């Protein structure tokens, strides 16, 4: 089944963060998408997904979808 897009963007980026355990992938994701940083975060079990929409020079709209594995 195809997914339905609720909003059209000028650009859609899908980014996968891959790396060794304990290097800060989740904190990079958290900082960029929610502007949060936790020094005492625990290791991610499984995957984490987040999105962020950015407004560039008007009327360009960007959407970034992140998957951290």
N, C-alpha and C. Protein backbone atom coordinates (compact mmCIF):
# COMPACT_ATOMS: atom_id res chain seq x y z
N UNK A 1 0.84 -1.17 0.00
CA UNK A 1 0.00 0.00 0.00
C UNK A 1 0.89 1.24 0.00
N UNK A 2 0.64 2.15 -0.88
CA UNK A 2 1.43 3.38 -0.97
C UNK A 2 1.00 4.35 0.13
N UNK A 3 1.97 5.08 0.66
CA UNK A 3 1.65 6.06 1.69
C UNK A 3 1.13 7.34 1.03
N UNK A 4 0.26 8.03 1.73
CA UNK A 4 -0.34 9.26 1.21
C UNK A 4 0.43 10.45 1.76
N UNK A 5 0.74 11.40 0.91
CA UNK A 5 1.45 12.61 1.33
C UNK A 5 0.41 13.66 1.67
N UNK A 6 0.43 14.16 2.92
CA UNK A 6 -0.53 15.16 3.36
C UNK A 6 -0.18 16.56 2.86
N UNK A 7 1.08 16.81 2.61
CA UNK A 7 1.53 18.14 2.23
C UNK A 7 2.63 18.00 1.20
N UNK A 8 2.60 18.83 0.20
CA UNK A 8 3.66 18.79 -0.80
C UNK A 8 4.73 19.80 -0.45
N UNK A 9 5.96 19.40 -0.60
CA UNK A 9 7.12 20.24 -0.31
C UNK A 9 7.88 20.48 -1.60
N UNK A 10 8.63 21.57 -1.61
CA UNK A 10 9.47 21.83 -2.77
C UNK A 10 10.61 20.82 -2.83
N UNK A 11 11.12 20.45 -1.67
CA UNK A 11 12.19 19.45 -1.57
C UNK A 11 11.91 18.55 -0.38
N UNK A 12 12.12 17.25 -0.56
CA UNK A 12 11.95 16.28 0.52
C UNK A 12 13.24 15.48 0.62
N UNK A 13 13.89 15.55 1.78
CA UNK A 13 15.13 14.82 2.03
C UNK A 13 14.84 13.69 3.00
N UNK A 14 15.33 12.51 2.71
CA UNK A 14 15.24 11.38 3.63
C UNK A 14 16.66 10.99 4.00
N UNK A 15 16.96 11.04 5.28
CA UNK A 15 18.33 10.87 5.76
C UNK A 15 18.37 9.70 6.74
N UNK A 16 19.32 8.81 6.55
CA UNK A 16 19.52 7.68 7.46
C UNK A 16 20.84 7.90 8.18
N UNK A 17 20.80 7.88 9.51
CA UNK A 17 22.01 8.01 10.32
C UNK A 17 22.47 6.62 10.72
N UNK A 18 23.68 6.26 10.33
CA UNK A 18 24.24 4.95 10.63
C UNK A 18 25.61 5.15 11.27
N UNK A 19 25.90 4.38 12.30
CA UNK A 19 27.21 4.49 12.92
C UNK A 19 27.34 3.54 14.09
N UNK A 20 28.50 3.54 14.69
CA UNK A 20 28.77 2.70 15.85
C UNK A 20 27.88 3.09 17.02
N UNK A 21 27.73 2.16 17.95
CA UNK A 21 26.94 2.40 19.16
C UNK A 21 27.62 3.44 20.04
N UNK A 22 26.81 4.33 20.61
CA UNK A 22 27.33 5.28 21.58
C UNK A 22 28.07 6.48 21.02
N UNK A 23 27.91 6.77 19.72
CA UNK A 23 28.65 7.90 19.14
C UNK A 23 27.82 9.19 19.08
N UNK A 24 26.51 9.12 19.36
CA UNK A 24 25.69 10.33 19.41
C UNK A 24 24.70 10.53 18.29
N UNK A 25 24.35 9.47 17.56
CA UNK A 25 23.40 9.60 16.46
C UNK A 25 22.05 10.12 16.96
N UNK A 26 21.56 9.56 18.05
CA UNK A 26 20.26 9.99 18.60
C UNK A 26 20.30 11.42 19.09
N UNK A 27 21.43 11.84 19.66
CA UNK A 27 21.54 13.22 20.13
C UNK A 27 21.61 14.21 18.97
N UNK A 28 22.24 13.83 17.88
CA UNK A 28 22.25 14.68 16.68
C UNK A 28 20.82 14.83 16.16
N UNK A 29 20.11 13.71 16.09
CA UNK A 29 18.72 13.71 15.63
C UNK A 29 17.84 14.56 16.54
N UNK A 30 17.98 14.39 17.83
CA UNK A 30 17.20 15.14 18.82
C UNK A 30 17.51 16.63 18.76
N UNK A 31 18.76 16.96 18.63
CA UNK A 31 19.17 18.37 18.59
C UNK A 31 18.63 19.07 17.34
N UNK A 32 18.69 18.41 16.20
CA UNK A 32 18.24 19.02 14.96
C UNK A 32 16.71 19.11 14.87
N UNK A 33 16.00 18.07 15.31
CA UNK A 33 14.55 18.05 15.13
C UNK A 33 13.78 18.68 16.28
N UNK A 34 14.28 18.60 17.52
CA UNK A 34 13.54 19.12 18.68
C UNK A 34 14.31 20.17 19.47
N UNK A 35 15.53 20.49 19.03
CA UNK A 35 16.40 21.44 19.73
C UNK A 35 16.64 21.02 21.18
N UNK A 36 16.84 19.72 21.40
CA UNK A 36 17.12 19.17 22.72
C UNK A 36 18.44 18.41 22.67
N UNK A 37 19.13 18.37 23.80
CA UNK A 37 20.35 17.58 23.91
C UNK A 37 20.41 17.00 25.31
N UNK A 38 20.58 15.70 25.42
CA UNK A 38 20.61 15.04 26.72
C UNK A 38 21.97 14.36 26.90
N UNK A 39 22.71 14.81 27.90
CA UNK A 39 24.03 14.22 28.16
C UNK A 39 23.93 12.79 28.68
N UNK A 40 22.80 12.44 29.27
CA UNK A 40 22.64 11.13 29.89
C UNK A 40 21.65 10.26 29.14
N UNK A 41 21.64 10.35 27.82
CA UNK A 41 20.71 9.53 27.03
C UNK A 41 21.18 8.08 27.02
N UNK A 42 20.22 7.19 26.85
CA UNK A 42 20.52 5.76 26.80
C UNK A 42 20.58 5.31 25.34
N UNK A 43 21.22 4.19 25.12
CA UNK A 43 21.34 3.65 23.76
C UNK A 43 19.97 3.35 23.17
N UNK A 44 19.82 3.65 21.90
CA UNK A 44 18.58 3.37 21.20
C UNK A 44 18.51 1.89 20.89
N UNK A 45 17.37 1.29 21.20
CA UNK A 45 17.13 -0.11 20.85
C UNK A 45 16.14 -0.09 19.69
N UNK A 46 16.54 -0.60 18.56
CA UNK A 46 15.69 -0.55 17.38
C UNK A 46 16.03 0.67 16.54
N UNK A 47 15.00 1.43 16.18
CA UNK A 47 15.20 2.62 15.34
C UNK A 47 14.47 3.81 15.95
N UNK A 48 14.86 5.00 15.53
CA UNK A 48 14.19 6.23 15.94
C UNK A 48 13.88 7.02 14.68
N UNK A 49 12.70 7.61 14.63
CA UNK A 49 12.26 8.35 13.45
C UNK A 49 11.85 9.76 13.86
N UNK A 50 12.22 10.75 13.09
CA UNK A 50 11.82 12.14 13.37
C UNK A 50 11.79 12.92 12.07
N UNK A 51 11.01 13.99 12.06
CA UNK A 51 10.94 14.88 10.90
C UNK A 51 11.09 16.33 11.33
N UNK A 52 11.50 17.15 10.39
CA UNK A 52 11.57 18.59 10.63
C UNK A 52 11.30 19.29 9.30
N UNK A 53 10.45 20.29 9.35
CA UNK A 53 10.15 21.09 8.17
C UNK A 53 10.84 22.44 8.31
N UNK A 54 11.53 22.84 7.27
CA UNK A 54 12.26 24.11 7.28
C UNK A 54 11.71 25.03 6.20
N UNK A 55 11.66 26.30 6.50
CA UNK A 55 11.28 27.31 5.51
C UNK A 55 12.57 27.98 5.04
N UNK A 56 12.90 27.78 3.79
CA UNK A 56 14.09 28.42 3.21
C UNK A 56 13.65 29.76 2.64
N UNK A 57 14.38 30.27 1.68
CA UNK A 57 13.97 31.53 1.07
C UNK A 57 12.56 31.36 0.49
N UNK A 58 11.69 32.24 0.84
CA UNK A 58 10.27 32.13 0.52
C UNK A 58 10.08 31.98 -0.98
N UNK A 59 9.20 31.16 -1.45
CA UNK A 59 8.31 30.25 -0.74
C UNK A 59 8.83 28.82 -0.69
N UNK A 60 10.12 28.60 -0.76
CA UNK A 60 10.68 27.25 -0.76
C UNK A 60 10.50 26.60 0.61
N UNK A 61 9.98 25.36 0.61
CA UNK A 61 9.77 24.63 1.85
C UNK A 61 10.48 23.29 1.76
N UNK A 62 11.23 22.96 2.79
CA UNK A 62 12.00 21.72 2.84
C UNK A 62 11.46 20.84 3.95
N UNK A 63 11.43 19.54 3.72
CA UNK A 63 11.06 18.60 4.77
C UNK A 63 12.17 17.56 4.85
N UNK A 64 12.65 17.32 6.07
CA UNK A 64 13.68 16.32 6.29
C UNK A 64 13.11 15.20 7.14
N UNK A 65 13.22 13.98 6.67
CA UNK A 65 12.80 12.82 7.44
C UNK A 65 14.05 12.04 7.81
N UNK A 66 14.21 11.74 9.09
CA UNK A 66 15.40 11.06 9.59
C UNK A 66 15.04 9.69 10.13
N UNK A 67 15.89 8.73 9.87
CA UNK A 67 15.77 7.40 10.44
C UNK A 67 17.12 7.07 11.03
N UNK A 68 17.15 6.80 12.32
CA UNK A 68 18.40 6.46 13.01
C UNK A 68 18.37 4.98 13.33
N UNK A 69 19.37 4.25 12.85
CA UNK A 69 19.43 2.81 13.09
C UNK A 69 20.69 2.45 13.83
